[in-house]
């Protein structure tokens, strides 16, 4: 029985090692482009119905947290089905590693939001910049499992996040600080994935 457990443990280790050296292809370009469209639509909604977000920070959070949850849900469902189809026997390990890479940044973003809202409401203008910087860290953490050009997307979000923080004050809560950053950023991510997939198909041909 001990030999059986040892053999199963060895197989599990081999599968994890294989997953760690395999490029994750569970993210679909069309789905990520759609999340960019969600950001643009959310920015348009904020511009129309929330002209003064600094004095209605709860409504501002409703708009962007709802957009983030919807985008995450769509990406998660598509990532699961796509990984099952493409990675087959390694799909569980690949999905687990993808989630583990991005989960710390997502949890950090949530906790920072709660802390600022609860204990430092005077600093809530920093939300958009902090979210983008944290999102960039999640992308950088995931880069070793993604196409190499993905580092450009991480750099984009880092740059836009720092730019929002540099604005200071109410201007940082403008709808387009989020709409342009995430709209263009997710389209960039989608383009990188699409180009990478096309290149791989050409190489295989």
Protein backbone atom coordinates (compact mmCIF):
# COMPACT_ATOMS: atom_id res chain seq x y z
CA UNK A 1 0.00 0.00 0.00
CA UNK A 2 2.89 2.37 0.77
CA UNK A 3 4.31 1.70 -2.69
CA UNK A 4 0.94 2.62 -4.20
CA UNK A 5 0.79 5.91 -2.30
CA UNK A 6 4.36 6.67 -3.31
CA UNK A 7 3.59 5.94 -6.96
CA UNK A 8 0.49 8.17 -6.85
CA UNK A 9 2.52 10.92 -5.21
CA UNK A 10 5.19 10.64 -7.91
CA UNK A 11 2.56 10.85 -10.64
CA UNK A 12 1.04 13.93 -9.01
CA UNK A 13 4.47 15.58 -8.77
CA UNK A 14 5.17 14.83 -12.43
CA UNK A 15 1.84 16.32 -13.46
CA UNK A 16 2.53 19.48 -11.45
CA UNK A 17 5.98 19.75 -13.01
CA UNK A 18 4.53 19.38 -16.49
CA UNK A 19 1.91 22.01 -15.74
CA UNK A 20 4.54 24.43 -14.44
CA UNK A 21 6.44 24.27 -17.74
CA UNK A 22 3.39 24.46 -20.03
CA UNK A 23 1.96 27.70 -21.37
CA UNK A 24 -1.55 28.24 -20.07
CA UNK A 25 -4.01 28.64 -22.95
CA UNK A 26 -7.22 28.82 -20.96
CA UNK A 27 -7.76 32.54 -21.54
CA UNK A 28 -9.80 33.23 -24.66
CA UNK A 29 -9.07 36.42 -26.65
CA UNK A 30 -12.73 37.09 -27.44
CA UNK A 31 -13.76 36.77 -23.79
CA UNK A 32 -11.04 39.13 -22.57
CA UNK A 33 -11.90 41.64 -25.30
CA UNK A 34 -15.49 41.47 -24.05
CA UNK A 35 -14.36 42.37 -20.53
CA UNK A 36 -12.67 45.43 -22.03
CA UNK A 37 -15.99 46.36 -23.59
CA UNK A 38 -17.63 45.95 -20.17
CA UNK A 39 -15.17 48.51 -18.77
CA UNK A 40 -15.98 51.01 -21.52
CA UNK A 41 -19.72 50.55 -20.96
CA UNK A 42 -19.28 50.97 -17.20
CA UNK A 43 -17.33 54.18 -17.79
CA UNK A 44 -20.09 55.48 -20.05
CA UNK A 45 -22.70 54.61 -17.41
CA UNK A 46 -20.70 56.44 -14.74
CA UNK A 47 -20.32 59.48 -16.98
CA UNK A 48 -24.08 59.61 -17.55
CA UNK A 49 -25.44 58.80 -14.11
CA UNK A 50 -22.64 59.55 -11.66
CA UNK A 51 -21.08 62.93 -12.48
CA UNK A 52 -19.82 63.46 -8.92
CA UNK A 53 -18.36 60.12 -7.77
CA UNK A 54 -16.30 61.61 -4.93
CA UNK A 55 -19.50 62.38 -3.04
CA UNK A 56 -21.18 59.12 -4.04
CA UNK A 57 -18.34 56.68 -3.49
CA UNK A 58 -20.71 53.78 -2.72
CA UNK A 59 -22.37 54.19 -6.12
CA UNK A 60 -18.93 54.38 -7.74
CA UNK A 61 -17.98 51.09 -6.08
CA UNK A 62 -21.28 49.53 -7.17
CA UNK A 63 -20.49 50.33 -10.80
CA UNK A 64 -16.92 49.06 -10.83
CA UNK A 65 -17.19 46.15 -8.41
CA UNK A 66 -20.19 44.85 -10.37
CA UNK A 67 -18.21 45.19 -13.60
CA UNK A 68 -15.25 43.35 -12.04
CA UNK A 69 -17.44 40.52 -10.73
CA UNK A 70 -19.19 40.12 -14.08
CA UNK A 71 -15.87 40.11 -15.93
CA UNK A 72 -14.33 37.63 -13.50
CA UNK A 73 -17.33 35.31 -13.74
CA UNK A 74 -17.30 35.35 -17.54
CA UNK A 75 -13.53 34.82 -17.65
CA UNK A 76 -13.71 32.03 -15.05
CA UNK A 77 -16.40 30.05 -16.86
CA UNK A 78 -14.69 30.39 -20.22
CA UNK A 79 -11.28 29.61 -18.70
CA UNK A 80 -12.63 26.38 -17.18
CA UNK A 81 -14.25 25.12 -20.39
CA UNK A 82 -11.33 26.17 -22.59
CA UNK A 83 -8.71 24.61 -20.32
CA UNK A 84 -10.68 21.35 -20.21
CA UNK A 85 -10.71 21.29 -23.99
CA UNK A 86 -7.12 22.39 -24.70
CA UNK A 87 -5.13 21.03 -21.75
CA UNK A 88 -7.16 17.84 -21.36
CA UNK A 89 -5.50 15.63 -18.73
CA UNK A 90 -3.53 18.53 -17.24
CA UNK A 91 -6.50 20.88 -17.03
CA UNK A 92 -6.95 20.63 -13.24
CA UNK A 93 -3.29 21.41 -12.56
CA UNK A 94 -3.24 24.23 -15.12
CA UNK A 95 -6.39 25.82 -13.73
CA UNK A 96 -5.11 25.55 -10.17
CA UNK A 97 -1.82 27.21 -11.05
CA UNK A 98 -3.54 29.99 -13.01
CA UNK A 99 -5.84 30.77 -10.08
CA UNK A 100 -2.98 30.60 -7.57
CA UNK A 101 -0.99 33.14 -9.58
CA UNK A 102 -3.77 35.72 -9.76
CA UNK A 103 -5.63 35.12 -6.50
CA UNK A 104 -3.23 37.07 -4.21
CA UNK A 105 -3.62 40.25 -6.26
CA UNK A 106 -7.41 39.90 -6.39
CA UNK A 107 -7.59 39.35 -2.62
CA UNK A 108 -5.23 42.29 -2.02
CA UNK A 109 -7.38 44.57 -4.15
CA UNK A 110 -10.48 43.60 -2.20
CA UNK A 111 -8.83 44.08 1.19
CA UNK A 112 -7.29 47.44 0.26
CA UNK A 113 -10.70 48.63 -0.94
CA UNK A 114 -12.36 47.62 2.34
CA UNK A 115 -9.62 49.22 4.47
CA UNK A 116 -9.66 52.53 2.59
CA UNK A 117 -13.44 52.69 2.62
CA UNK A 118 -13.67 51.89 6.31
CA UNK A 119 -10.65 53.64 7.82
CA UNK A 120 -9.41 56.21 5.28
CA UNK A 121 -12.38 57.58 3.31
CA UNK A 122 -10.36 60.71 2.53
CA UNK A 123 -8.11 58.52 0.35
CA UNK A 124 -10.83 56.80 -1.68
CA UNK A 125 -9.80 58.88 -4.71
CA UNK A 126 -6.91 56.42 -4.94
CA UNK A 127 -9.17 53.46 -5.77
CA UNK A 128 -8.72 53.47 -9.55
CA UNK A 129 -4.94 53.84 -9.39
CA UNK A 130 -4.45 51.20 -6.70
CA UNK A 131 -6.71 48.71 -8.49
CA UNK A 132 -4.72 49.07 -11.69
CA UNK A 133 -1.34 48.74 -9.96
CA UNK A 134 -2.51 45.61 -8.13
CA UNK A 135 -3.98 44.19 -11.36
CA UNK A 136 -0.61 44.73 -13.04
CA UNK A 137 1.08 42.70 -10.30
CA UNK A 138 -1.35 39.85 -10.97
CA UNK A 139 -0.43 39.92 -14.65
CA UNK A 140 3.30 40.02 -13.90
CA UNK A 141 2.86 37.02 -11.56
CA UNK A 142 1.09 35.09 -14.32
CA UNK A 143 3.56 35.97 -17.10
CA UNK A 144 5.65 32.83 -16.76
CA UNK A 145 2.60 30.76 -17.80
CA UNK A 146 1.52 33.14 -20.58
CA UNK A 147 3.01 34.37 -23.87
CA UNK A 148 6.10 36.52 -23.27
CA UNK A 149 4.60 39.72 -24.76
CA UNK A 150 2.04 39.66 -21.92
CA UNK A 151 4.55 41.63 -19.88
CA UNK A 152 3.51 44.62 -22.02
CA UNK A 153 -0.02 44.35 -20.60
CA UNK A 154 1.36 44.31 -17.06
CA UNK A 155 3.44 47.39 -17.86
CA UNK A 156 0.36 49.12 -19.32
CA UNK A 157 -1.66 48.66 -16.14
CA UNK A 158 1.26 49.70 -13.97
CA UNK A 159 1.71 52.88 -16.03
CA UNK A 160 -2.00 53.77 -16.05
CA UNK A 161 -2.32 53.03 -12.32
CA UNK A 162 0.62 55.26 -11.45
CA UNK A 163 -0.77 57.96 -13.75
CA UNK A 164 -4.10 57.87 -11.89
CA UNK A 165 -2.31 58.20 -8.57
CA UNK A 166 -0.24 61.08 -9.95
CA UNK A 167 -3.44 62.95 -10.88
CA UNK A 168 -4.43 63.20 -7.24
CA UNK A 169 -7.82 64.18 -5.91
CA UNK A 170 -11.18 63.91 -7.63
CA UNK A 171 -9.80 63.70 -11.17
CA UNK A 172 -8.58 60.17 -10.45
CA UNK A 173 -12.22 59.05 -10.14
CA UNK A 174 -13.08 60.22 -13.65
CA UNK A 175 -14.95 57.41 -15.46
CA UNK A 176 -12.33 57.27 -18.19
CA UNK A 177 -9.43 56.63 -15.85
CA UNK A 178 -10.98 53.19 -15.52
CA UNK A 179 -12.73 52.92 -18.88
CA UNK A 180 -9.68 53.72 -21.02
CA UNK A 181 -7.24 51.83 -18.80
CA UNK A 182 -9.19 48.58 -18.63
CA UNK A 183 -10.84 48.92 -22.04
CA UNK A 184 -7.53 49.35 -23.86
CA UNK A 185 -5.70 47.03 -21.47
CA UNK A 186 -8.01 44.09 -21.99
CA UNK A 187 -8.00 44.63 -25.74
CA UNK A 188 -4.19 44.55 -25.57
CA UNK A 189 -4.32 41.28 -23.62
CA UNK A 190 -6.76 39.82 -26.17
CA UNK A 191 -4.54 40.91 -29.08
CA UNK A 192 -1.46 39.32 -27.50
CA UNK A 193 -3.29 36.03 -26.96
CA UNK A 194 -4.74 36.07 -30.48
CA UNK A 195 -1.37 36.80 -32.07
CA UNK A 196 0.30 34.10 -29.97
CA UNK A 197 -2.32 31.53 -30.94
CA UNK A 198 -2.02 32.43 -34.62
CA UNK A 199 1.78 32.14 -34.46
CA UNK A 200 1.56 28.72 -32.82
CA UNK A 201 -0.89 27.50 -35.46
CA UNK A 202 1.45 28.67 -38.22
CA UNK A 203 4.40 26.93 -36.57
CA UNK A 204 2.42 23.70 -36.27
CA UNK A 205 1.39 23.91 -39.92
